[in-house]
Amino acid sequence: MWLAMAPIRIGFSNFSLDELLEMIFLDTEFTDLASPALLSVSMVSLKGLEIYEELDLVQDPIGQMRLRASSEFTRGTVIPQFNKVANSKCSTRELGNRAGEWLIACAADIGGKIIVAYDYDDDFALLRDAMRRASIWDRVAPLLEPQNIDHITGRVEGAMAAEASWLESALYRGLQRHHALADALALRAAWRAVCGQ
């Protein structure tokens, strides 16, 4: 197949699909656009592995503070989708630690670096900051190559694949758009549609 041999452009790096060992698709939900603070994070891999974590907005003091700071959109669209994924509620520190440990395990599984793909720069910045707060960033940073792939989501085939993925998430998982897991799955679907994986 031609796509399997041709280099594809992902951010600032060139990879052939044959060389690509693992790619993780990241999405976060946060308080607001003006001053984002992390509320939830999800990552899904090409192999089908996934992680979803959300702040405990009731018991965790930082979660309570971030809930109060959330925009009307976040309170009306994002927060009502919390508590839909089992065992995902955690403190701020736990969120960063769980995400970091998951990435370390993924890197160990492939024996190399992982591309972390996202379509909004703050997604990676918020994940990085959460791992810094959990004191795990220094172990994780050398294992990652962050890549903004927002140019893929704007292509017709990518947008159509993302829409189909959101419908599947809604029907089979009860998750809508603007849930970090649904959005990470949609980003992966868009990448696969555009890049042939």
Protein backbone atom coordinates (compact mmCIF):
# COMPACT_ATOMS: atom_id res chain seq x y z
CA MET A 1 0.00 0.00 0.00
CA TRP A 2 1.41 3.40 -0.95
CA LEU A 3 0.62 5.10 2.38
CA ALA A 4 2.58 2.49 4.31
CA MET A 5 5.76 3.53 2.52
CA ALA A 6 5.27 7.27 2.13
CA PRO A 7 6.47 9.59 4.87
CA ILE A 8 3.66 11.37 6.65
CA ARG A 9 3.93 14.75 8.27
CA ILE A 10 3.12 14.83 11.97
CA GLY A 11 4.01 18.14 13.52
CA PHE A 12 7.72 18.69 12.90
CA SER A 13 8.81 15.04 12.51
CA ASN A 14 8.64 12.63 9.59
CA PHE A 15 7.81 8.99 10.23
CA SER A 16 6.88 6.21 7.86
CA LEU A 17 3.96 4.14 9.12
CA ASP A 18 6.29 1.12 9.17
CA GLU A 19 8.58 2.92 11.66
CA LEU A 20 5.80 4.08 13.93
CA LEU A 21 5.91 1.93 17.08
CA GLU A 22 3.28 3.64 19.22
CA MET A 23 1.22 6.76 19.09
CA ILE A 24 -0.94 8.02 21.92
CA PHE A 25 -3.86 10.37 21.30
CA LEU A 26 -4.46 12.87 24.08
CA ASP A 27 -7.40 15.01 25.08
CA THR A 28 -8.16 16.99 28.21
CA GLU A 29 -11.08 18.90 29.60
CA PHE A 30 -10.43 22.02 31.62
CA THR A 31 -12.04 24.92 33.46
CA ASP A 32 -12.11 27.57 30.72
CA LEU A 33 -10.22 28.84 27.68
CA ALA A 34 -8.91 32.04 29.28
CA SER A 35 -7.20 30.37 32.23
CA PRO A 36 -7.35 26.59 31.79
CA ALA A 37 -6.93 24.28 34.76
CA LEU A 38 -7.11 20.52 34.23
CA LEU A 39 -10.33 18.66 35.08
CA SER A 40 -9.90 15.38 33.19
CA VAL A 41 -7.45 13.65 30.87
CA SER A 42 -7.66 10.73 28.49
CA MET A 43 -5.16 8.98 26.28
CA VAL A 44 -5.78 6.18 23.79
CA SER A 45 -3.21 4.25 21.81
CA LEU A 46 -3.18 2.88 18.29
CA LYS A 47 -3.15 -0.59 19.87
CA GLY A 48 -6.40 0.10 21.73
CA LEU A 49 -5.07 0.81 25.21
CA GLU A 50 -6.78 3.68 27.00
CA ILE A 51 -6.74 5.64 30.22
CA TYR A 52 -9.22 8.16 31.52
CA GLU A 53 -8.87 10.10 34.78
CA GLU A 54 -10.97 12.90 36.24
CA LEU A 55 -10.62 15.10 39.29
CA ASP A 56 -12.83 14.35 42.23
CA LEU A 57 -14.85 17.56 42.25
CA VAL A 58 -16.48 16.80 45.61
CA GLN A 59 -13.76 15.41 47.92
CA ASP A 60 -10.58 16.94 46.47
CA PRO A 61 -10.09 20.59 47.55
CA ILE A 62 -8.38 21.46 44.26
CA GLY A 63 -11.21 19.78 42.37
CA GLN A 64 -13.73 21.87 44.33
CA MET A 65 -11.81 25.04 43.53
CA ARG A 66 -11.59 24.19 39.83
CA LEU A 67 -15.30 23.43 39.69
CA ARG A 68 -16.04 26.91 41.06
CA ALA A 69 -13.65 28.43 38.50
CA SER A 70 -15.23 26.58 35.56
CA SER A 71 -16.95 28.46 32.76
CA GLU A 72 -20.66 28.17 32.09
CA PHE A 73 -19.88 25.96 29.08
CA THR A 74 -17.73 23.62 31.19
CA ARG A 75 -20.36 23.40 33.95
CA GLY A 76 -23.12 22.75 31.41
CA THR A 77 -21.35 20.41 28.96
CA VAL A 78 -18.24 18.84 30.50
CA ILE A 79 -19.07 18.38 34.20
CA PRO A 80 -22.40 16.54 33.59
CA GLN A 81 -20.35 13.84 31.83
CA PHE A 82 -18.22 13.10 34.90
CA ASN A 83 -18.69 9.83 36.86
CA LYS A 84 -19.37 7.80 33.70
CA VAL A 85 -16.09 5.85 33.68
CA ALA A 86 -15.51 3.47 36.59
CA ASN A 87 -12.56 4.04 38.92
CA SER A 88 -11.53 7.27 37.23
CA LYS A 89 -12.12 9.74 40.05
CA CYS A 90 -8.93 10.89 41.77
CA SER A 91 -7.05 13.75 43.37
CA THR A 92 -4.93 16.19 41.40
CA ARG A 93 -1.70 14.44 42.37
CA GLU A 94 -3.13 10.98 41.61
CA LEU A 95 -4.25 12.15 38.17
CA GLY A 96 -0.73 13.20 37.20
CA ASN A 97 0.81 10.08 38.71
CA ARG A 98 -1.62 7.67 37.02
CA ALA A 99 -1.10 9.34 33.65
CA GLY A 100 2.67 9.28 34.07
CA GLU A 101 2.81 5.64 35.17
CA TRP A 102 0.57 4.66 32.23
CA LEU A 103 2.90 6.41 29.76
CA ILE A 104 5.96 4.81 31.36
CA ALA A 105 4.32 1.38 30.98
CA CYS A 106 3.45 2.08 27.32
CA ALA A 107 7.03 3.14 26.57
CA ALA A 108 8.39 0.04 28.32
CA ASP A 109 6.02 -2.13 26.29
CA ILE A 110 7.41 -0.86 22.98
CA GLY A 111 10.95 -0.30 24.17
CA GLY A 112 11.14 3.25 22.89
CA LYS A 113 9.67 6.73 22.65
CA ILE A 114 5.98 7.43 22.28
CA ILE A 115 4.45 10.09 20.10
CA VAL A 116 1.79 11.94 22.08
CA ALA A 117 -0.59 13.49 19.56
CA TYR A 118 -3.09 16.22 20.38
CA ASP A 119 -5.01 18.91 18.53
CA TYR A 120 -4.78 21.73 21.08
CA ASP A 121 -1.47 22.83 22.63
CA ASP A 122 -2.95 23.33 26.09
CA ASP A 123 -3.87 19.62 26.21
CA PHE A 124 -0.21 18.65 26.38
CA ALA A 125 0.71 21.58 28.62
CA LEU A 126 -1.99 20.62 31.14
CA LEU A 127 -0.90 16.96 31.12
CA ARG A 128 2.74 17.96 31.57
CA ASP A 129 1.85 20.28 34.46
CA ALA A 130 -0.18 17.53 36.16
CA MET A 131 2.77 15.14 35.92
CA ARG A 132 5.11 17.82 37.28
CA ARG A 133 2.84 18.30 40.30
CA ALA A 134 2.93 14.54 40.82
CA SER A 135 6.76 14.59 40.66
CA ILE A 136 6.81 12.07 37.80
CA TRP A 137 7.50 14.37 34.84
CA ASP A 138 11.28 13.93 34.93
CA ARG A 139 10.83 10.16 34.44
CA VAL A 140 8.25 10.59 31.66
CA ALA A 141 9.65 13.51 29.62
CA PRO A 142 12.48 11.56 27.90
CA LEU A 143 9.96 8.94 26.71
CA LEU A 144 7.68 11.33 24.84
CA GLU A 145 7.63 13.19 21.58
CA PRO A 146 4.69 15.63 21.66
CA GLN A 147 3.06 16.42 18.31
CA ASN A 148 0.21 18.80 17.53
CA ILE A 149 -1.84 17.15 14.76
CA ASP A 150 -4.65 19.70 14.54
CA HIS A 151 -4.16 19.90 10.78
CA ILE A 152 -5.57 16.35 10.55
CA THR A 153 -8.83 17.13 12.32
CA GLY A 154 -9.56 19.91 9.85
CA ARG A 155 -9.50 17.60 6.83
CA VAL A 156 -12.85 16.35 5.55
CA GLU A 157 -12.06 12.66 6.05
CA GLY A 158 -10.70 13.38 9.54
CA ALA A 159 -13.78 15.39 10.53
CA MET A 160 -16.11 12.67 9.23
CA ALA A 161 -14.22 9.95 11.12
CA ALA A 162 -14.31 12.03 14.31
CA GLU A 163 -18.08 12.52 13.98
CA ALA A 164 -18.55 8.76 13.51
CA SER A 165 -16.39 8.10 16.57
CA TRP A 166 -18.42 10.52 18.71
CA LEU A 167 -21.61 8.76 17.62
CA GLU A 168 -20.10 5.39 18.56
CA SER A 169 -19.00 6.75 21.96
CA ALA A 170 -22.49 8.10 22.58
CA LEU A 171 -24.25 4.88 21.57
CA TYR A 172 -21.98 2.34 23.22
CA ARG A 173 -20.36 4.21 26.12
CA GLY A 174 -22.81 6.99 26.93
CA LEU A 175 -20.09 9.61 26.32
CA GLN A 176 -20.63 12.75 24.28
CA ARG A 177 -18.28 15.19 22.59
CA HIS A 178 -16.32 17.20 25.20
CA HIS A 179 -15.72 14.11 27.32
CA ALA A 180 -11.95 13.61 27.26
CA LEU A 181 -12.20 9.89 26.42
CA ALA A 182 -14.72 10.44 23.61
CA ASP A 183 -12.55 13.23 22.20
CA ALA A 184 -9.31 11.21 22.39
CA LEU A 185 -11.03 8.35 20.55
CA ALA A 186 -12.30 10.81 17.93
CA LEU A 187 -8.79 12.21 17.45
CA ARG A 188 -7.45 8.69 16.88
CA ALA A 189 -10.25 7.99 14.39
CA ALA A 190 -9.46 11.20 12.50
CA TRP A 191 -5.75 10.32 12.34
CA ARG A 192 -6.51 6.81 11.09
CA ALA A 193 -8.85 8.15 8.40
CA VAL A 194 -6.33 10.68 7.12
CA CYS A 195 -3.16 8.60 7.50
CA GLY A 196 -4.49 5.18 6.59
CA GLN A 197 -3.98 3.37 9.90
